[in-house]
Amino acid sequence: MSQINSVKVFDIAGRTIQKATIKEKMCELPLSTFKQEKSVKEISWQYTSANFRSFIKWIIQEKKLFRNRLMSVVENNEDNVFLVAGGALLSRSLFYALRLNEIVSVAQKNSGRVIFNAVGIEKCSSFTLSRLLTKRFLAKKEVVAFSTRDHIEDVPRITSRVDFKKQISDPGIWSAETFNIKKQNNDVVGIGTISLEAYKSIVSEDKRAESITVQSLFDFWYGITKKLDEKGQRWKIFTNGGAKDCHMAYTFLTQYGYSIDDHLLIPAESAEELVEQISQFKAIAAHRLHALIIATSLNIPVVPIVWSDKLVKFSEMIGNDFYLWPDLENSDKVAELLSEKIFSVDFTEKIRKCKSSSEEFIFNSIKEKN
């Protein structure tokens, strides 16, 4: 294998600080502040206007800034390999499409190579601007390898490369090894919450989301916590750290009279802290994909609560068929799985194969010359 001289981390989004402080996240909001309805037309317009703003800002200022940041990690006279890892990067959003296109352009001008590793493919029309741009940069010879974490059936629509039709697990499956964190021996189960906005963002893809409200999510979570209390099973609520998810968690606990100190984890401020938090649970039920992936990395049993089909794709990859939609009648099932039945299923071998496939793809791709 080719020698790797150095590794530099580059954040495509260019984030530098958290948008909300912990104090701002740990607060109750009136139910009226949570938007209950969002039509398909509203969502379509939201993406159109966001893409228009992204394009204008990109042309005026952000392209130059992004290129300068990117060039700071490029090694002169070296075989630069740009490894684009994970995330729902191939989506309706022009924000990421423009930046990924620039990465390929920089690789082209600096004799570099680009590897797309387990990127997420969001369902959208082949004729959106982001999809057309994606098809253009994936066709360049500098893109030497590609794999997706979910919609492998869409690969032929975004690239003509037969060898690009490869599905592997999200890189987050290596979280435990990356941070050298092991599962703790605690008798506590975790419930990972999500914002209403997440469900409203997918109504054009899944009509079931139209009926989701703040109250229906609260009722679903309360059905789980009430049943766990009846069983004498200790539980805590956690989030991936997003402000809107945190507001939902805090407001839920307050509305139902639960102690914040006893039942809510302070939002994690880094990936390592999130892995550390999840490691304390003996099992989790969660909506967010990366909470599920981290738990899987730690060999912690998982009940996926579906809000996007990417959770279904990941669950199927590791052979987990316990994923459920957040209907009230499923609350008892989740509580039952968390407290008893899920522990009888061993996913170890499936997880090992996922990790092995992920490792093999990375090193073989780096080794290959364009």
Protein backbone atom coordinates (compact mmCIF):
# COMPACT_ATOMS: atom_id res chain seq x y z
CA MET A 1 0.00 0.00 0.00
CA SER A 2 1.15 3.56 -0.70
CA GLN A 3 2.70 5.31 2.29
CA ILE A 4 0.46 7.90 3.97
CA ASN A 5 2.69 10.81 4.93
CA SER A 6 0.14 12.96 6.74
CA VAL A 7 -3.58 13.28 7.43
CA LYS A 8 -5.39 16.60 7.73
CA VAL A 9 -9.02 17.09 8.70
CA PHE A 10 -11.11 19.51 6.65
CA ASP A 11 -14.68 20.51 7.55
CA ILE A 12 -16.59 21.04 4.30
CA ALA A 13 -19.15 23.27 6.01
CA GLY A 14 -16.49 25.41 7.69
CA ARG A 15 -18.17 25.39 11.07
CA THR A 16 -16.16 27.00 13.87
CA ILE A 17 -18.54 27.38 16.82
CA GLN A 18 -21.77 25.93 18.15
CA LYS A 19 -24.73 28.11 17.16
CA ALA A 20 -26.42 27.70 20.55
CA THR A 21 -24.95 27.45 24.05
CA ILE A 22 -25.87 24.67 26.46
CA LYS A 23 -27.90 27.18 28.48
CA GLU A 24 -29.88 28.09 25.35
CA LYS A 25 -30.47 24.41 24.56
CA MET A 26 -31.54 23.43 28.08
CA CYS A 27 -34.84 25.28 28.22
CA GLU A 28 -38.56 24.66 27.89
CA LEU A 29 -40.39 26.19 24.95
CA PRO A 30 -44.16 26.82 24.71
CA LEU A 31 -45.81 24.25 22.45
CA SER A 32 -46.99 27.10 20.22
CA THR A 33 -43.40 27.78 19.17
CA PHE A 34 -43.09 24.36 17.51
CA LYS A 35 -44.38 24.61 13.94
CA GLN A 36 -47.05 21.95 13.59
CA GLU A 37 -47.72 21.97 9.87
CA LYS A 38 -45.51 22.24 6.82
CA SER A 39 -46.88 21.47 3.36
CA VAL A 40 -44.98 19.87 0.50
CA LYS A 41 -45.24 23.22 -1.28
CA GLU A 42 -43.64 25.01 1.68
CA ILE A 43 -40.80 22.50 1.81
CA SER A 44 -40.18 22.79 -1.94
CA TRP A 45 -40.06 26.57 -1.70
CA GLN A 46 -37.77 26.36 1.34
CA TYR A 47 -35.23 24.30 -0.61
CA THR A 48 -35.52 26.51 -3.71
CA SER A 49 -34.92 29.72 -1.77
CA ALA A 50 -32.09 28.14 0.26
CA ASN A 51 -30.39 26.96 -2.93
CA PHE A 52 -30.74 30.40 -4.52
CA ARG A 53 -29.14 32.04 -1.47
CA SER A 54 -26.37 29.44 -1.42
CA PHE A 55 -25.53 30.03 -5.07
CA ILE A 56 -25.43 33.83 -4.74
CA LYS A 57 -23.28 33.71 -1.59
CA TRP A 58 -21.00 31.16 -3.26
CA ILE A 59 -20.38 33.30 -6.31
CA ILE A 60 -19.93 36.56 -4.40
CA GLN A 61 -17.74 35.41 -1.53
CA GLU A 62 -17.74 31.83 -0.33
CA LYS A 63 -16.08 30.11 -3.31
CA LYS A 64 -12.86 32.09 -2.81
CA LEU A 65 -12.89 31.54 0.96
CA PHE A 66 -13.57 27.83 0.56
CA ARG A 67 -10.77 27.39 -1.99
CA ASN A 68 -8.31 29.20 0.27
CA ARG A 69 -9.24 26.95 3.19
CA LEU A 70 -8.95 23.88 1.01
CA MET A 71 -5.58 24.87 -0.41
CA SER A 72 -4.23 25.18 3.15
CA VAL A 73 -4.44 21.37 3.48
CA VAL A 74 -2.99 20.59 0.04
CA GLU A 75 0.59 19.31 0.09
CA ASN A 76 2.82 20.58 -2.72
CA ASN A 77 4.42 17.94 -4.93
CA GLU A 78 2.56 15.17 -3.12
CA ASP A 79 -0.10 12.63 -4.07
CA ASN A 80 -3.03 14.45 -2.46
CA VAL A 81 -5.97 12.18 -1.69
CA PHE A 82 -9.23 13.90 -0.74
CA LEU A 83 -11.33 11.48 1.28
CA VAL A 84 -14.95 12.69 1.50
CA ALA A 85 -16.52 10.77 4.37
CA GLY A 86 -20.14 10.11 5.29
CA GLY A 87 -23.04 12.49 5.68
CA ALA A 88 -26.09 13.15 3.50
CA LEU A 89 -23.89 15.07 1.08
CA LEU A 90 -25.58 14.13 -2.20
CA SER A 91 -28.88 15.86 -1.57
CA ARG A 92 -31.22 18.53 -2.88
CA SER A 93 -28.98 21.15 -1.31
CA LEU A 94 -26.65 23.15 -3.54
CA PHE A 95 -24.60 24.05 -0.46
CA TYR A 96 -22.71 20.75 -0.44
CA ALA A 97 -22.84 20.14 -4.20
CA LEU A 98 -20.95 23.39 -4.86
CA ARG A 99 -18.28 22.54 -2.29
CA LEU A 100 -17.83 18.96 -3.45
CA ASN A 101 -17.48 20.20 -7.02
CA GLU A 102 -14.74 22.58 -5.84
CA ILE A 103 -12.88 19.75 -4.10
CA VAL A 104 -12.84 17.76 -7.34
CA SER A 105 -11.70 20.87 -9.27
CA VAL A 106 -8.82 21.44 -6.83
CA ALA A 107 -7.83 17.78 -7.13
CA GLN A 108 -7.90 18.13 -10.91
CA LYS A 109 -5.55 21.13 -10.85
CA ASN A 110 -3.17 19.62 -8.30
CA SER A 111 -2.86 16.05 -9.62
CA GLY A 112 -4.95 14.78 -6.73
CA ARG A 113 -7.50 12.04 -6.28
CA VAL A 114 -10.93 12.06 -4.66
CA ILE A 115 -12.59 9.18 -2.79
CA PHE A 116 -16.23 9.36 -1.72
CA ASN A 117 -16.55 7.10 1.30
CA ALA A 118 -20.04 5.95 2.38
CA VAL A 119 -21.71 9.24 1.47
CA GLY A 120 -25.45 9.56 1.98
CA ILE A 121 -27.69 9.88 -1.09
CA GLU A 122 -30.89 11.80 -0.46
CA LYS A 123 -33.93 10.95 -2.56
CA CYS A 124 -34.65 13.75 -5.03
CA SER A 125 -35.30 14.41 -8.72
CA SER A 126 -32.51 13.75 -11.21
CA PHE A 127 -33.13 17.20 -12.65
CA THR A 128 -32.45 19.32 -9.57
CA LEU A 129 -29.43 21.63 -9.89
CA SER A 130 -27.59 19.83 -7.11
CA ARG A 131 -28.10 16.43 -8.77
CA LEU A 132 -26.97 17.71 -12.18
CA LEU A 133 -23.84 19.21 -10.62
CA THR A 134 -23.20 15.99 -8.72
CA LYS A 135 -23.39 13.95 -11.91
CA ARG A 136 -20.90 16.33 -13.52
CA PHE A 137 -18.17 16.13 -10.86
CA LEU A 138 -18.57 12.39 -10.28
CA ALA A 139 -17.82 11.84 -13.97
CA LYS A 140 -14.32 13.34 -13.67
CA LYS A 141 -11.40 10.94 -13.69
CA GLU A 142 -10.02 12.45 -10.48
CA VAL A 143 -12.87 10.69 -8.64
CA VAL A 144 -11.24 7.28 -8.32
CA ALA A 145 -13.61 5.54 -5.90
CA PHE A 146 -17.14 5.93 -4.60
CA SER A 147 -19.39 4.18 -2.10
CA THR A 148 -22.71 5.04 -0.49
CA ARG A 149 -24.17 4.22 2.92
CA ASP A 150 -27.79 3.98 1.80
CA HIS A 151 -29.50 4.40 -1.60
CA ILE A 152 -27.29 2.22 -3.76
CA GLU A 153 -30.17 1.84 -6.24
CA ASP A 154 -29.76 5.54 -7.11
CA VAL A 155 -26.07 5.27 -8.04
CA PRO A 156 -26.75 4.61 -11.76
CA ARG A 157 -28.77 7.85 -11.89
CA ILE A 158 -25.90 9.97 -10.61
CA THR A 159 -22.96 8.28 -12.31
CA SER A 160 -22.30 5.98 -15.25
CA ARG A 161 -19.46 4.19 -13.41
CA VAL A 162 -20.41 0.57 -12.77
CA ASP A 163 -17.64 0.22 -10.17
CA PHE A 164 -19.25 3.00 -8.11
CA LYS A 165 -22.21 0.81 -7.17
CA LYS A 166 -20.91 -0.15 -3.74
CA GLN A 167 -22.62 0.10 -0.37
CA ILE A 168 -20.72 0.20 2.92
CA SER A 169 -21.51 1.40 6.40
CA ASP A 170 -21.17 5.00 7.58
CA PRO A 171 -17.63 5.66 8.95
CA GLY A 172 -19.24 6.37 12.33
CA ILE A 173 -19.28 2.61 12.88
CA TRP A 174 -15.63 3.05 13.93
CA SER A 175 -16.53 5.56 16.67
CA ALA A 176 -15.64 3.30 19.59
CA GLU A 177 -12.20 2.49 18.21
CA THR A 178 -11.54 6.08 17.11
CA PHE A 179 -12.02 7.45 20.63
CA ASN A 180 -10.96 4.28 22.47
CA ILE A 181 -14.27 4.15 24.35
CA LYS A 182 -15.91 0.95 25.55
CA LYS A 183 -19.46 0.11 26.61
CA GLN A 184 -20.03 0.62 30.36
CA ASN A 185 -21.84 -1.84 32.58
CA ASN A 186 -24.78 0.34 33.59
CA ASP A 187 -28.42 -0.69 33.98
CA VAL A 188 -29.76 2.39 32.13
CA VAL A 189 -31.46 2.63 28.75
CA GLY A 190 -31.29 5.73 26.53
CA ILE A 191 -33.98 7.43 24.48
CA GLY A 192 -32.67 9.75 21.77
CA THR A 193 -35.11 12.50 20.80
CA ILE A 194 -35.55 14.51 17.63
CA SER A 195 -37.16 17.79 16.54
CA LEU A 196 -40.53 18.04 14.85
CA GLU A 197 -38.79 19.88 12.00
CA ALA A 198 -36.98 16.69 10.99
CA TYR A 199 -40.27 14.91 10.34
CA LYS A 200 -41.73 17.90 8.51
CA SER A 201 -38.70 17.96 6.21
CA ILE A 202 -39.57 14.54 4.76
CA VAL A 203 -43.32 14.90 4.09
CA SER A 204 -42.69 14.91 0.35
CA GLU A 205 -40.98 11.51 0.69
CA ASP A 206 -43.05 9.84 3.40
CA LYS A 207 -46.71 10.83 3.74
CA ARG A 208 -46.84 9.39 7.27
CA ALA A 209 -44.88 12.43 8.41
CA GLU A 210 -47.87 14.67 7.73
CA SER A 211 -49.60 13.35 10.84
CA ILE A 212 -46.61 13.84 13.14
CA THR A 213 -47.02 16.65 15.67
CA VAL A 214 -45.19 17.70 18.82
CA GLN A 215 -47.95 16.10 20.86
CA SER A 216 -47.83 12.81 18.94
CA LEU A 217 -44.07 12.57 19.53
CA PHE A 218 -44.52 13.45 23.20
CA ASP A 219 -47.26 10.82 23.55
CA PHE A 220 -45.00 8.24 21.88
CA TRP A 221 -42.07 9.02 24.19
CA TYR A 222 -44.32 9.08 27.25
CA GLY A 223 -45.70 5.68 26.29
CA ILE A 224 -42.13 4.36 26.37
CA THR A 225 -41.04 6.06 29.61
CA LYS A 226 -44.24 5.14 31.45
CA LYS A 227 -43.84 1.47 30.50
CA LEU A 228 -40.17 1.50 31.51
CA ASP A 229 -41.12 2.99 34.88
CA GLU A 230 -43.69 0.23 35.37
CA LYS A 231 -40.96 -2.33 34.68
CA GLY A 232 -38.58 -0.61 37.13
CA GLN A 233 -36.15 0.07 34.28
CA ARG A 234 -33.98 3.18 34.70
CA TRP A 235 -33.85 5.51 31.66
CA LYS A 236 -32.42 8.81 30.46
CA ILE A 237 -33.10 11.01 27.46
CA PHE A 238 -30.24 12.27 25.31
CA THR A 239 -29.80 14.14 22.04
CA ASN A 240 -27.11 14.42 19.39
CA GLY A 241 -26.63 18.02 20.54
CA GLY A 242 -28.79 19.94 18.06
CA ALA A 243 -30.64 22.87 19.66
CA LYS A 244 -34.09 21.94 18.31
CA ASP A 245 -33.73 18.33 19.45
CA CYS A 246 -32.69 19.60 22.89
CA HIS A 247 -35.69 21.91 23.14
CA MET A 248 -37.98 18.97 22.37
CA ALA A 249 -36.32 16.80 25.03
CA TYR A 250 -36.37 19.47 27.74
CA THR A 251 -39.95 20.52 26.97
CA PHE A 252 -41.15 16.90 26.95
CA LEU A 253 -39.68 16.14 30.37
CA THR A 254 -41.05 19.36 31.84
CA GLN A 255 -44.53 18.87 30.37
CA TYR A 256 -44.80 15.39 31.87
CA GLY A 257 -43.35 16.32 35.27
CA TYR A 258 -40.08 14.40 34.98
CA SER A 259 -36.94 15.57 36.77
CA ILE A 260 -34.45 17.17 34.37
CA ASP A 261 -31.55 16.22 36.64
CA ASP A 262 -32.63 12.57 36.80
CA HIS A 263 -33.67 12.02 33.21
CA LEU A 264 -31.79 14.35 30.82
CA LEU A 265 -28.15 14.25 29.78
CA ILE A 266 -26.51 17.63 29.19
CA PRO A 267 -26.11 18.00 25.39
CA ALA A 268 -22.81 16.69 24.06
CA GLU A 269 -20.57 19.38 22.55
CA SER A 270 -18.27 17.08 20.58
CA ALA A 271 -18.38 13.75 18.80
CA GLU A 272 -16.20 12.17 21.48
CA GLU A 273 -18.53 13.39 24.24
CA LEU A 274 -21.55 11.94 22.43
CA VAL A 275 -19.81 8.55 22.13
CA GLU A 276 -18.96 8.73 25.84
CA GLN A 277 -22.58 9.49 26.72
CA ILE A 278 -24.03 6.68 24.62
CA SER A 279 -21.50 4.22 26.07
CA GLN A 280 -23.25 4.46 29.46
CA PHE A 281 -26.44 2.81 28.15
CA LYS A 282 -27.19 -0.89 28.00
CA ALA A 283 -29.59 -0.28 25.08
CA ILE A 284 -30.99 2.72 23.23
CA ALA A 285 -33.99 3.74 21.14
CA ALA A 286 -33.27 6.78 18.99
CA HIS A 287 -34.38 8.70 15.92
CA ARG A 288 -31.05 10.16 14.84
CA LEU A 289 -28.90 7.98 12.57
CA HIS A 290 -25.57 8.74 14.19
CA ALA A 291 -26.84 7.88 17.65
CA LEU A 292 -27.74 4.46 16.23
CA ILE A 293 -24.39 4.08 14.46
CA ILE A 294 -22.43 5.03 17.57
CA ALA A 295 -24.39 2.55 19.69
CA THR A 296 -23.74 -0.12 17.07
CA SER A 297 -20.03 0.69 17.16
CA LEU A 298 -20.11 0.11 20.92
CA ASN A 299 -22.07 -3.17 20.50
CA ILE A 300 -25.02 -1.61 22.33
CA PRO A 301 -28.46 -2.95 21.24
CA VAL A 302 -30.47 -0.44 19.22
CA VAL A 303 -34.15 0.18 18.48
CA PRO A 304 -34.24 2.60 15.50
CA ILE A 305 -37.21 4.99 15.53
CA VAL A 306 -37.75 5.81 11.86
CA TRP A 307 -37.95 9.40 10.62
CA SER A 308 -35.92 8.88 7.43
CA ASP A 309 -35.37 5.79 5.34
CA LYS A 310 -31.61 6.14 5.88
CA LEU A 311 -32.25 4.59 9.32
CA VAL A 312 -33.96 1.67 7.62
CA LYS A 313 -31.03 1.22 5.21
CA PHE A 314 -28.51 1.16 8.07
CA SER A 315 -30.65 -1.19 10.13
CA GLU A 316 -30.97 -3.63 7.24
CA MET A 317 -27.21 -3.50 6.72
CA ILE A 318 -26.53 -4.82 10.22
CA GLY A 319 -29.51 -7.19 10.19
CA ASN A 320 -31.56 -5.19 12.71
CA ASP A 321 -35.27 -5.57 11.92
CA PHE A 322 -36.52 -3.82 15.08
CA TYR A 323 -36.98 -0.41 13.44
CA LEU A 324 -40.39 1.17 14.14
CA TRP A 325 -42.40 4.21 13.14
CA PRO A 326 -43.29 6.46 16.14
CA ASP A 327 -46.95 5.47 16.40
CA LEU A 328 -48.42 5.43 19.89
CA GLU A 329 -49.20 1.72 19.62
CA ASN A 330 -45.47 1.06 19.12
CA SER A 331 -44.51 2.59 22.49
CA ASP A 332 -45.00 -0.68 24.38
CA LYS A 333 -42.99 -2.56 21.73
CA VAL A 334 -40.05 -0.17 22.12
CA ALA A 335 -40.14 -0.43 25.93
CA GLU A 336 -40.31 -4.22 25.69
CA LEU A 337 -37.35 -4.36 23.30
CA LEU A 338 -35.28 -2.00 25.43
CA SER A 339 -35.87 -3.87 28.66
CA GLU A 340 -35.74 -7.48 27.48
CA LYS A 341 -36.02 -8.93 24.00
CA ILE A 342 -33.38 -7.02 22.06
CA PHE A 343 -30.63 -8.45 24.27
CA SER A 344 -31.27 -11.92 22.88
CA VAL A 345 -30.08 -10.87 19.40
CA ASP A 346 -26.36 -10.81 18.61
CA PHE A 347 -25.31 -8.41 15.83
CA THR A 348 -21.58 -8.87 16.48
CA GLU A 349 -20.76 -10.76 13.30
CA LYS A 350 -22.75 -8.39 11.07
CA ILE A 351 -21.04 -5.39 12.67
CA ARG A 352 -17.63 -7.02 12.24
CA LYS A 353 -18.32 -7.53 8.53
CA CYS A 354 -19.47 -3.93 8.13
CA LYS A 355 -16.27 -2.67 9.74
CA SER A 356 -14.13 -5.01 7.66
CA SER A 357 -15.82 -3.93 4.42
CA SER A 358 -15.38 -0.26 5.36
CA GLU A 359 -11.68 -0.70 6.12
CA GLU A 360 -11.07 -2.68 2.94
CA PHE A 361 -12.75 -0.05 0.75
CA ILE A 362 -10.70 2.82 2.23
CA PHE A 363 -7.28 1.22 1.96
CA ASN A 364 -7.87 -0.34 -1.45
CA SER A 365 -9.11 3.00 -2.77
CA ILE A 366 -6.09 4.89 -1.44
CA LYS A 367 -3.79 2.27 -2.91
CA GLU A 368 -5.29 2.52 -6.40
CA LYS A 369 -3.80 5.05 -8.81
CA ASN A 370 -6.04 6.96 -11.25
